[in-house]
N, C-alpha and C. Protein backbone atom coordinates (compact mmCIF):
# COMPACT_ATOMS: atom_id res chain seq x y z
N MET A 1 7.66 -5.62 18.77
CA MET A 1 7.31 -5.64 17.35
C MET A 1 5.99 -6.39 17.18
N VAL A 2 5.04 -5.75 16.52
CA VAL A 2 3.74 -6.36 16.25
C VAL A 2 3.69 -6.72 14.77
N ASP A 3 3.37 -7.98 14.46
CA ASP A 3 3.24 -8.44 13.09
C ASP A 3 1.77 -8.58 12.73
N LEU A 4 1.37 -7.94 11.64
CA LEU A 4 0.00 -7.98 11.16
C LEU A 4 0.01 -8.43 9.71
N GLU A 5 -1.12 -8.96 9.24
CA GLU A 5 -1.24 -9.31 7.83
C GLU A 5 -2.54 -8.76 7.27
N LEU A 6 -2.45 -8.23 6.06
CA LEU A 6 -3.65 -7.84 5.33
C LEU A 6 -4.23 -9.15 4.82
N THR A 7 -5.37 -9.55 5.37
CA THR A 7 -5.93 -10.88 5.11
C THR A 7 -7.32 -10.77 4.49
N ARG A 8 -7.55 -11.59 3.46
CA ARG A 8 -8.85 -11.59 2.78
C ARG A 8 -9.95 -12.01 3.75
N ALA A 9 -11.06 -11.29 3.71
CA ALA A 9 -12.22 -11.61 4.54
C ALA A 9 -12.90 -12.86 4.00
N PRO A 10 -13.35 -13.76 4.88
CA PRO A 10 -14.04 -14.96 4.43
C PRO A 10 -15.29 -14.62 3.63
N GLY A 11 -15.46 -15.25 2.48
CA GLY A 11 -16.66 -15.06 1.67
C GLY A 11 -16.68 -13.80 0.82
N ASP A 12 -15.62 -13.01 0.83
CA ASP A 12 -15.59 -11.77 0.04
C ASP A 12 -14.19 -11.58 -0.54
N ARG A 13 -14.03 -11.87 -1.82
CA ARG A 13 -12.71 -11.85 -2.46
C ARG A 13 -12.11 -10.45 -2.59
N ARG A 14 -12.91 -9.41 -2.39
CA ARG A 14 -12.40 -8.05 -2.55
C ARG A 14 -12.16 -7.32 -1.23
N LYS A 15 -12.55 -7.91 -0.11
CA LYS A 15 -12.39 -7.24 1.18
C LYS A 15 -11.25 -7.87 1.97
N TYR A 16 -10.42 -6.99 2.53
CA TYR A 16 -9.26 -7.42 3.32
C TYR A 16 -9.27 -6.71 4.66
N TRP A 17 -8.79 -7.41 5.70
CA TRP A 17 -8.69 -6.86 7.05
C TRP A 17 -7.24 -6.75 7.46
N LEU A 18 -6.91 -5.68 8.12
CA LEU A 18 -5.63 -5.54 8.80
C LEU A 18 -6.02 -5.56 10.28
N GLU A 19 -5.81 -6.72 10.92
CA GLU A 19 -6.33 -6.99 12.26
C GLU A 19 -6.04 -5.86 13.25
N GLY A 20 -7.10 -5.42 13.90
CA GLY A 20 -6.98 -4.38 14.91
C GLY A 20 -6.82 -2.97 14.35
N ILE A 21 -6.76 -2.85 13.01
CA ILE A 21 -6.55 -1.55 12.38
C ILE A 21 -7.77 -1.12 11.59
N GLY A 22 -8.17 -1.92 10.59
CA GLY A 22 -9.30 -1.56 9.74
C GLY A 22 -9.40 -2.47 8.53
N SER A 23 -10.12 -2.02 7.52
CA SER A 23 -10.35 -2.85 6.34
C SER A 23 -10.14 -2.08 5.04
N LEU A 24 -9.91 -2.85 3.98
CA LEU A 24 -9.80 -2.33 2.61
C LEU A 24 -10.75 -3.13 1.73
N ARG A 25 -11.52 -2.46 0.90
CA ARG A 25 -12.32 -3.14 -0.11
C ARG A 25 -11.79 -2.71 -1.46
N LEU A 26 -11.21 -3.66 -2.19
CA LEU A 26 -10.63 -3.36 -3.51
C LEU A 26 -11.75 -3.14 -4.51
N GLU A 27 -11.51 -2.18 -5.42
CA GLU A 27 -12.52 -1.80 -6.40
C GLU A 27 -11.89 -1.67 -7.78
N GLY A 28 -12.76 -1.69 -8.77
CA GLY A 28 -12.33 -1.41 -10.13
C GLY A 28 -11.57 -2.53 -10.81
N PHE A 29 -11.31 -2.31 -12.09
CA PHE A 29 -10.56 -3.27 -12.88
C PHE A 29 -9.15 -3.39 -12.32
N ALA A 30 -8.68 -4.59 -12.12
CA ALA A 30 -7.34 -4.89 -11.59
C ALA A 30 -7.15 -4.36 -10.17
N SER A 31 -8.24 -4.05 -9.50
CA SER A 31 -8.20 -3.60 -8.09
C SER A 31 -7.24 -2.43 -7.89
N ARG A 32 -7.34 -1.42 -8.74
CA ARG A 32 -6.46 -0.25 -8.68
C ARG A 32 -7.00 0.84 -7.76
N ALA A 33 -8.14 0.59 -7.11
CA ALA A 33 -8.73 1.54 -6.18
C ALA A 33 -9.26 0.75 -4.99
N ALA A 34 -9.52 1.45 -3.89
CA ALA A 34 -10.05 0.78 -2.70
C ALA A 34 -10.76 1.78 -1.82
N THR A 35 -11.65 1.26 -0.99
CA THR A 35 -12.26 2.03 0.08
C THR A 35 -11.72 1.47 1.37
N ALA A 36 -11.22 2.33 2.23
CA ALA A 36 -10.65 1.91 3.51
C ALA A 36 -11.52 2.44 4.64
N GLU A 37 -11.62 1.65 5.71
CA GLU A 37 -12.38 2.05 6.89
C GLU A 37 -11.57 1.72 8.14
N ALA A 38 -11.51 2.68 9.07
CA ALA A 38 -10.84 2.47 10.35
C ALA A 38 -11.34 3.51 11.34
N ASP A 39 -11.61 3.11 12.54
CA ASP A 39 -12.02 4.02 13.62
C ASP A 39 -13.16 4.95 13.20
N GLY A 40 -14.12 4.45 12.42
CA GLY A 40 -15.26 5.26 12.01
C GLY A 40 -15.00 6.20 10.85
N ALA A 41 -13.77 6.25 10.36
CA ALA A 41 -13.42 7.10 9.21
C ALA A 41 -13.38 6.25 7.94
N THR A 42 -13.63 6.89 6.80
CA THR A 42 -13.61 6.22 5.50
C THR A 42 -12.77 7.04 4.53
N TRP A 43 -11.96 6.35 3.73
CA TRP A 43 -11.15 7.00 2.70
C TRP A 43 -11.29 6.22 1.40
N SER A 44 -11.12 6.92 0.29
CA SER A 44 -11.03 6.29 -1.02
C SER A 44 -9.58 6.40 -1.46
N PHE A 45 -8.99 5.28 -1.85
CA PHE A 45 -7.63 5.25 -2.37
C PHE A 45 -7.73 4.99 -3.86
N ARG A 46 -7.01 5.80 -4.65
CA ARG A 46 -7.06 5.61 -6.11
C ARG A 46 -5.80 6.15 -6.76
N ARG A 47 -5.49 5.59 -7.90
CA ARG A 47 -4.36 6.05 -8.70
C ARG A 47 -4.83 7.23 -9.54
N VAL A 48 -3.97 8.23 -9.67
CA VAL A 48 -4.31 9.44 -10.43
C VAL A 48 -3.13 9.84 -11.31
N GLY A 49 -3.40 10.75 -12.22
CA GLY A 49 -2.35 11.27 -13.08
C GLY A 49 -2.32 10.58 -14.43
N PHE A 50 -1.51 11.11 -15.32
CA PHE A 50 -1.44 10.60 -16.68
C PHE A 50 -1.01 9.14 -16.74
N TRP A 51 0.05 8.78 -16.03
CA TRP A 51 0.54 7.39 -16.04
C TRP A 51 -0.07 6.56 -14.91
N ARG A 52 -0.87 7.21 -14.07
CA ARG A 52 -1.55 6.55 -12.96
C ARG A 52 -0.57 5.91 -11.97
N ARG A 53 0.52 6.62 -11.72
CA ARG A 53 1.51 6.11 -10.76
C ARG A 53 1.31 6.72 -9.39
N ARG A 54 0.81 7.97 -9.34
CA ARG A 54 0.57 8.62 -8.06
C ARG A 54 -0.71 8.04 -7.45
N ILE A 55 -0.74 7.91 -6.14
CA ILE A 55 -1.90 7.37 -5.45
C ILE A 55 -2.38 8.40 -4.43
N GLU A 56 -3.69 8.62 -4.39
CA GLU A 56 -4.28 9.59 -3.47
C GLU A 56 -5.23 8.89 -2.50
N ALA A 57 -5.32 9.46 -1.31
CA ALA A 57 -6.32 9.07 -0.31
C ALA A 57 -7.23 10.27 -0.11
N VAL A 58 -8.53 10.06 -0.30
CA VAL A 58 -9.51 11.13 -0.20
C VAL A 58 -10.52 10.76 0.88
N ASP A 59 -10.82 11.71 1.77
CA ASP A 59 -11.78 11.43 2.84
C ASP A 59 -13.22 11.58 2.34
N ARG A 60 -14.18 11.38 3.24
CA ARG A 60 -15.61 11.46 2.88
C ARG A 60 -16.02 12.79 2.28
N LEU A 61 -15.34 13.87 2.69
CA LEU A 61 -15.70 15.20 2.21
C LEU A 61 -15.05 15.55 0.87
N GLY A 62 -14.22 14.63 0.35
CA GLY A 62 -13.55 14.89 -0.92
C GLY A 62 -12.20 15.58 -0.77
N THR A 63 -11.71 15.69 0.45
CA THR A 63 -10.42 16.33 0.71
C THR A 63 -9.30 15.30 0.58
N VAL A 64 -8.26 15.66 -0.16
CA VAL A 64 -7.09 14.78 -0.28
C VAL A 64 -6.33 14.83 1.03
N VAL A 65 -6.25 13.70 1.73
CA VAL A 65 -5.55 13.64 3.02
C VAL A 65 -4.23 12.89 2.93
N GLY A 66 -4.04 12.15 1.83
CA GLY A 66 -2.80 11.40 1.66
C GLY A 66 -2.42 11.26 0.21
N GLU A 67 -1.10 11.19 -0.03
CA GLU A 67 -0.59 11.00 -1.39
C GLU A 67 0.67 10.15 -1.35
N PHE A 68 0.83 9.35 -2.39
CA PHE A 68 2.08 8.63 -2.61
C PHE A 68 2.59 9.07 -3.96
N ASP A 69 3.81 9.63 -3.98
CA ASP A 69 4.47 10.02 -5.23
C ASP A 69 5.69 9.13 -5.38
N PRO A 70 5.68 8.23 -6.38
CA PRO A 70 6.80 7.31 -6.55
C PRO A 70 8.06 8.02 -7.05
N HIS A 71 9.21 7.43 -6.70
CA HIS A 71 10.48 7.90 -7.25
C HIS A 71 10.49 7.58 -8.74
N GLY A 72 11.31 8.28 -9.49
CA GLY A 72 11.40 8.04 -10.92
C GLY A 72 11.89 6.65 -11.27
N LEU A 73 13.15 6.35 -11.00
CA LEU A 73 13.71 5.05 -11.37
C LEU A 73 13.87 4.09 -10.20
N ARG A 74 13.96 4.64 -9.00
CA ARG A 74 14.13 3.79 -7.83
C ARG A 74 12.78 3.35 -7.29
N ARG A 75 12.79 2.30 -6.50
CA ARG A 75 11.56 1.84 -5.86
C ARG A 75 11.27 2.72 -4.64
N GLY A 76 10.00 2.82 -4.30
CA GLY A 76 9.60 3.63 -3.16
C GLY A 76 9.18 5.02 -3.60
N GLY A 77 9.05 5.90 -2.61
CA GLY A 77 8.65 7.27 -2.92
C GLY A 77 8.28 8.03 -1.67
N THR A 78 7.62 9.17 -1.87
CA THR A 78 7.22 10.05 -0.79
C THR A 78 5.76 9.80 -0.44
N VAL A 79 5.48 9.72 0.86
CA VAL A 79 4.11 9.57 1.35
C VAL A 79 3.78 10.82 2.16
N SER A 80 2.66 11.45 1.83
CA SER A 80 2.14 12.56 2.62
C SER A 80 0.87 12.07 3.27
N TRP A 81 0.72 12.33 4.56
CA TRP A 81 -0.50 11.93 5.24
C TRP A 81 -0.84 12.99 6.29
N ALA A 82 -1.98 13.64 6.11
CA ALA A 82 -2.48 14.63 7.06
C ALA A 82 -1.41 15.66 7.42
N GLY A 83 -0.71 16.14 6.41
CA GLY A 83 0.31 17.17 6.63
C GLY A 83 1.69 16.65 6.98
N ARG A 84 1.85 15.36 7.19
CA ARG A 84 3.17 14.78 7.50
C ARG A 84 3.83 14.30 6.22
N GLU A 85 5.13 14.52 6.11
CA GLU A 85 5.92 14.02 4.98
C GLU A 85 6.70 12.81 5.46
N LEU A 86 6.48 11.67 4.82
CA LEU A 86 7.13 10.42 5.17
C LEU A 86 7.81 9.84 3.93
N MET A 87 8.66 8.85 4.14
CA MET A 87 9.31 8.16 3.02
C MET A 87 8.93 6.70 3.03
N LEU A 88 8.69 6.15 1.86
CA LEU A 88 8.51 4.72 1.68
C LEU A 88 9.71 4.29 0.85
N ARG A 89 10.67 3.61 1.48
CA ARG A 89 11.89 3.24 0.77
C ARG A 89 12.02 1.73 0.68
N ALA A 90 12.66 1.27 -0.38
CA ALA A 90 12.90 -0.16 -0.55
C ALA A 90 13.79 -0.64 0.59
N ALA A 91 13.39 -1.75 1.22
CA ALA A 91 14.14 -2.30 2.34
C ALA A 91 14.78 -3.64 1.99
N SER A 92 14.67 -4.05 0.72
CA SER A 92 15.26 -5.30 0.25
C SER A 92 15.52 -5.18 -1.25
N SER A 93 16.60 -5.76 -1.69
CA SER A 93 16.89 -5.76 -3.12
C SER A 93 16.17 -6.88 -3.84
N TRP A 94 15.75 -7.90 -3.12
CA TRP A 94 15.20 -9.11 -3.75
C TRP A 94 13.70 -9.27 -3.61
N ARG A 95 13.12 -8.57 -2.64
CA ARG A 95 11.68 -8.73 -2.40
C ARG A 95 11.01 -7.36 -2.41
N GLU A 96 9.71 -7.38 -2.50
CA GLU A 96 8.93 -6.14 -2.43
C GLU A 96 8.71 -5.79 -0.96
N ARG A 97 9.78 -5.40 -0.31
CA ARG A 97 9.76 -5.01 1.11
C ARG A 97 10.09 -3.52 1.18
N TYR A 98 9.27 -2.79 1.95
CA TYR A 98 9.43 -1.35 2.06
C TYR A 98 9.38 -0.93 3.53
N ALA A 99 10.15 0.09 3.87
CA ALA A 99 10.13 0.68 5.20
C ALA A 99 9.44 2.03 5.11
N LEU A 100 8.46 2.26 5.97
CA LEU A 100 7.79 3.55 6.07
C LEU A 100 8.50 4.32 7.17
N GLY A 101 9.13 5.43 6.80
CA GLY A 101 9.91 6.18 7.76
C GLY A 101 9.50 7.62 7.89
N ASP A 102 9.67 8.13 9.10
CA ASP A 102 9.42 9.53 9.40
C ASP A 102 10.74 10.11 9.86
N GLY A 103 11.44 10.80 8.96
CA GLY A 103 12.79 11.27 9.26
C GLY A 103 13.70 10.06 9.41
N GLY A 104 14.39 9.94 10.52
CA GLY A 104 15.26 8.80 10.75
C GLY A 104 14.58 7.66 11.48
N ARG A 105 13.29 7.81 11.79
CA ARG A 105 12.56 6.80 12.55
C ARG A 105 11.75 5.89 11.63
N GLU A 106 11.91 4.58 11.77
CA GLU A 106 11.15 3.63 10.98
C GLU A 106 9.84 3.32 11.71
N LEU A 107 8.71 3.62 11.04
CA LEU A 107 7.40 3.40 11.64
C LEU A 107 6.87 2.00 11.39
N ALA A 108 7.12 1.47 10.18
CA ALA A 108 6.59 0.15 9.82
C ALA A 108 7.43 -0.45 8.70
N LEU A 109 7.43 -1.78 8.66
CA LEU A 109 8.07 -2.54 7.59
C LEU A 109 6.96 -3.31 6.90
N LEU A 110 6.84 -3.15 5.58
CA LEU A 110 5.75 -3.78 4.84
C LEU A 110 6.31 -4.69 3.75
N ASP A 111 5.85 -5.93 3.75
CA ASP A 111 6.26 -6.95 2.78
C ASP A 111 5.08 -7.22 1.86
N GLY A 112 5.21 -6.95 0.56
CA GLY A 112 4.09 -7.13 -0.35
C GLY A 112 4.25 -8.27 -1.32
N LYS A 113 3.13 -8.94 -1.61
CA LYS A 113 3.09 -9.98 -2.63
C LYS A 113 2.22 -9.56 -3.81
N GLY A 114 1.33 -8.62 -3.59
CA GLY A 114 0.51 -8.10 -4.67
C GLY A 114 -0.83 -8.77 -4.85
N TRP A 115 -0.98 -10.04 -4.53
CA TRP A 115 -2.25 -10.73 -4.74
C TRP A 115 -2.33 -11.90 -3.76
N GLY A 116 -3.49 -12.54 -3.72
CA GLY A 116 -3.67 -13.71 -2.86
C GLY A 116 -4.43 -13.40 -1.59
N ARG A 117 -4.45 -14.38 -0.70
CA ARG A 117 -5.20 -14.24 0.55
C ARG A 117 -4.52 -13.34 1.56
N ARG A 118 -3.20 -13.25 1.48
CA ARG A 118 -2.43 -12.41 2.41
C ARG A 118 -1.41 -11.60 1.60
N PRO A 119 -1.87 -10.51 0.94
CA PRO A 119 -0.98 -9.79 0.03
C PRO A 119 0.08 -8.91 0.69
N VAL A 120 -0.12 -8.52 1.96
CA VAL A 120 0.84 -7.63 2.62
C VAL A 120 1.02 -8.06 4.08
N ARG A 121 2.27 -8.14 4.49
CA ARG A 121 2.60 -8.38 5.91
C ARG A 121 3.17 -7.07 6.44
N VAL A 122 2.72 -6.66 7.63
CA VAL A 122 3.12 -5.40 8.22
C VAL A 122 3.74 -5.66 9.59
N SER A 123 4.92 -5.11 9.83
CA SER A 123 5.55 -5.17 11.15
C SER A 123 5.68 -3.75 11.67
N VAL A 124 5.18 -3.53 12.89
CA VAL A 124 5.16 -2.20 13.49
C VAL A 124 5.70 -2.31 14.91
N ASP A 125 6.61 -1.40 15.27
CA ASP A 125 7.12 -1.37 16.64
C ASP A 125 6.04 -0.93 17.62
N ASP A 126 5.34 0.15 17.29
CA ASP A 126 4.33 0.73 18.17
C ASP A 126 3.10 1.06 17.34
N VAL A 127 2.08 0.19 17.41
CA VAL A 127 0.87 0.38 16.61
C VAL A 127 0.21 1.73 16.92
N ALA A 128 0.27 2.16 18.16
CA ALA A 128 -0.35 3.42 18.56
C ALA A 128 0.33 4.63 17.93
N ALA A 129 1.58 4.49 17.47
CA ALA A 129 2.33 5.61 16.89
C ALA A 129 2.01 5.84 15.42
N VAL A 130 1.28 4.91 14.80
CA VAL A 130 0.96 5.03 13.38
C VAL A 130 -0.57 5.09 13.23
N GLU A 131 -1.05 6.15 12.60
CA GLU A 131 -2.49 6.30 12.41
C GLU A 131 -3.04 5.15 11.57
N PRO A 132 -4.22 4.62 11.92
CA PRO A 132 -4.79 3.51 11.17
C PRO A 132 -4.95 3.80 9.68
N GLY A 133 -5.40 5.00 9.32
CA GLY A 133 -5.56 5.35 7.91
C GLY A 133 -4.24 5.32 7.17
N LEU A 134 -3.20 5.83 7.80
CA LEU A 134 -1.86 5.82 7.20
C LEU A 134 -1.37 4.40 7.00
N LEU A 135 -1.59 3.52 7.96
CA LEU A 135 -1.15 2.13 7.85
C LEU A 135 -1.91 1.41 6.73
N LEU A 136 -3.21 1.65 6.62
CA LEU A 136 -3.99 1.07 5.52
C LEU A 136 -3.54 1.62 4.17
N PHE A 137 -3.26 2.92 4.12
CA PHE A 137 -2.80 3.54 2.88
C PHE A 137 -1.45 2.94 2.46
N ALA A 138 -0.53 2.80 3.40
CA ALA A 138 0.78 2.22 3.10
C ALA A 138 0.64 0.78 2.63
N ALA A 139 -0.26 0.01 3.25
CA ALA A 139 -0.49 -1.37 2.82
C ALA A 139 -1.04 -1.41 1.40
N PHE A 140 -1.97 -0.50 1.08
CA PHE A 140 -2.53 -0.43 -0.27
C PHE A 140 -1.46 -0.07 -1.29
N VAL A 141 -0.62 0.89 -0.96
CA VAL A 141 0.47 1.31 -1.85
C VAL A 141 1.43 0.15 -2.10
N VAL A 142 1.86 -0.52 -1.04
CA VAL A 142 2.82 -1.62 -1.17
C VAL A 142 2.21 -2.78 -1.96
N ARG A 143 0.92 -3.06 -1.74
CA ARG A 143 0.24 -4.09 -2.53
C ARG A 143 0.28 -3.74 -4.01
N GLY A 144 0.04 -2.47 -4.33
CA GLY A 144 0.09 -2.02 -5.72
C GLY A 144 1.49 -2.09 -6.31
N LEU A 145 2.50 -1.69 -5.54
CA LEU A 145 3.89 -1.76 -6.01
C LEU A 145 4.30 -3.20 -6.27
N ALA A 146 3.90 -4.11 -5.38
CA ALA A 146 4.23 -5.53 -5.55
C ALA A 146 3.51 -6.11 -6.76
N SER A 147 2.26 -5.70 -6.96
CA SER A 147 1.50 -6.16 -8.11
C SER A 147 2.12 -5.66 -9.42
N ASP A 148 2.53 -4.38 -9.43
CA ASP A 148 3.19 -3.82 -10.61
C ASP A 148 4.49 -4.54 -10.90
N ALA A 149 5.28 -4.83 -9.87
CA ALA A 149 6.56 -5.52 -10.04
C ALA A 149 6.34 -6.94 -10.56
N SER A 150 5.31 -7.60 -10.06
CA SER A 150 4.99 -8.95 -10.50
C SER A 150 4.58 -8.95 -11.98
N SER A 151 3.77 -7.97 -12.37
CA SER A 151 3.33 -7.86 -13.77
C SER A 151 4.52 -7.57 -14.69
N ALA A 152 5.41 -6.68 -14.24
CA ALA A 152 6.59 -6.33 -15.04
C ALA A 152 7.51 -7.55 -15.20
N ALA A 153 7.67 -8.32 -14.14
CA ALA A 153 8.52 -9.51 -14.20
C ALA A 153 7.93 -10.55 -15.13
N ALA A 154 6.59 -10.72 -15.08
CA ALA A 154 5.93 -11.67 -15.95
C ALA A 154 6.07 -11.25 -17.41
N GLY A 155 5.93 -9.96 -17.68
CA GLY A 155 6.08 -9.44 -19.03
C GLY A 155 7.48 -9.62 -19.56
N ALA A 156 8.48 -9.37 -18.72
CA ALA A 156 9.88 -9.53 -19.12
C ALA A 156 10.20 -10.99 -19.38
N SER A 157 9.65 -11.88 -18.56
CA SER A 157 9.93 -13.30 -18.75
C SER A 157 9.25 -13.83 -20.01
N THR A 158 8.04 -13.32 -20.32
CA THR A 158 7.36 -13.71 -21.56
C THR A 158 8.14 -13.21 -22.77
N ALA A 159 8.60 -11.97 -22.70
CA ALA A 159 9.36 -11.40 -23.82
C ALA A 159 10.66 -12.16 -24.03
N ALA A 160 11.31 -12.57 -22.95
CA ALA A 160 12.58 -13.31 -23.06
C ALA A 160 12.35 -14.70 -23.65
N THR A 161 11.22 -15.34 -23.33
CA THR A 161 10.97 -16.68 -23.83
C THR A 161 10.53 -16.67 -25.28
N THR A 162 9.73 -15.66 -25.66
CA THR A 162 9.21 -15.63 -27.02
C THR A 162 10.12 -14.87 -27.98
N GLY A 163 11.02 -14.04 -27.44
CA GLY A 163 11.85 -13.19 -28.28
C GLY A 163 12.97 -13.92 -28.86
């Protein structure tokens, strides 16, 4: 098992490294988009759609190579990457922990905090079995899910205190 962390780059509050894999540069208001780089490839990750819940990964040529479609009421959703259909399912009831699975095989376990110097921790059995772009995309998705959950919890707690 290899443990990695999405870690903020020194001197740049918007750039994060996933050691040995690649980097993410957060963009836009509330960091809802990012540019990812790994192995000489570049992707743009962004939220799309009316409610901006779906997330797409677009390569340099403008081709959609990855998508995350969230479940309606449950946490997690479907991840498509380069023609592969994967699942991102909640792996904990109490934390923003998700398992990225391909059929019955678990590829990675991702723990998200949503913000800070180390917003996502990634555990992978075999780093070579998971494409770097897919791992960066999953880390970006989990960071966004954790951030959304944190915002929702803060809003609920404010409403409960003031209501």
